[in-house]
């Protein structure tokens, strides 16, 4: 019985942690896209729902990349105009943000050049490099594990309506798709 109580308490804390920032406003973050445009999130993306992936370590960045292809397929890729059955995709903004903070800020320029070379060009407008202070982002966005990426769905008002962390999964992608389709 004691183990069951501990398990339920742990699950409650996990659910509470993962949704702790839902309902909060996403804090303004300025970065440069791989197309060399300065972008302020969420201000520049408030015309529609926005999917935001953030990483602030190399390990987290590697895991954030697990979101690239499935998000591209579900939300960004143009539908085939010659398809027998027309594909309906939610109209959303998508932004992936590698963060360079602290001592790593000095490496952001060379890292950006490497990303411009290595990341598929079709994703360049969707990758924004942030170089600056960690500030309150870690606390406001509940980013407690530096080796995990964080993924948010932000509504038109800049409010977080979904938050998760870690590698992409079918379950997470389905949850995100359901949210942006039903919103």
Foldseek 3Di string as FASTA:
>chain_A
DVVVVVVVVVVVVVVCLQCVLFQPFQDWAWFAFLVRDIDIPPVNFLVWKEKEKEAADPLQVVQSVLVVVVCCVQANPDWDPPDPDTDDHQHGHYAYEHEQADPRLVVQVVVSVVCNVVPDPVCRRRYTYGRYHCPCVCVSVVVPDNNKMKMFIAGSVRGTNGIDIGHDDPVVVVVVRVVRVVD
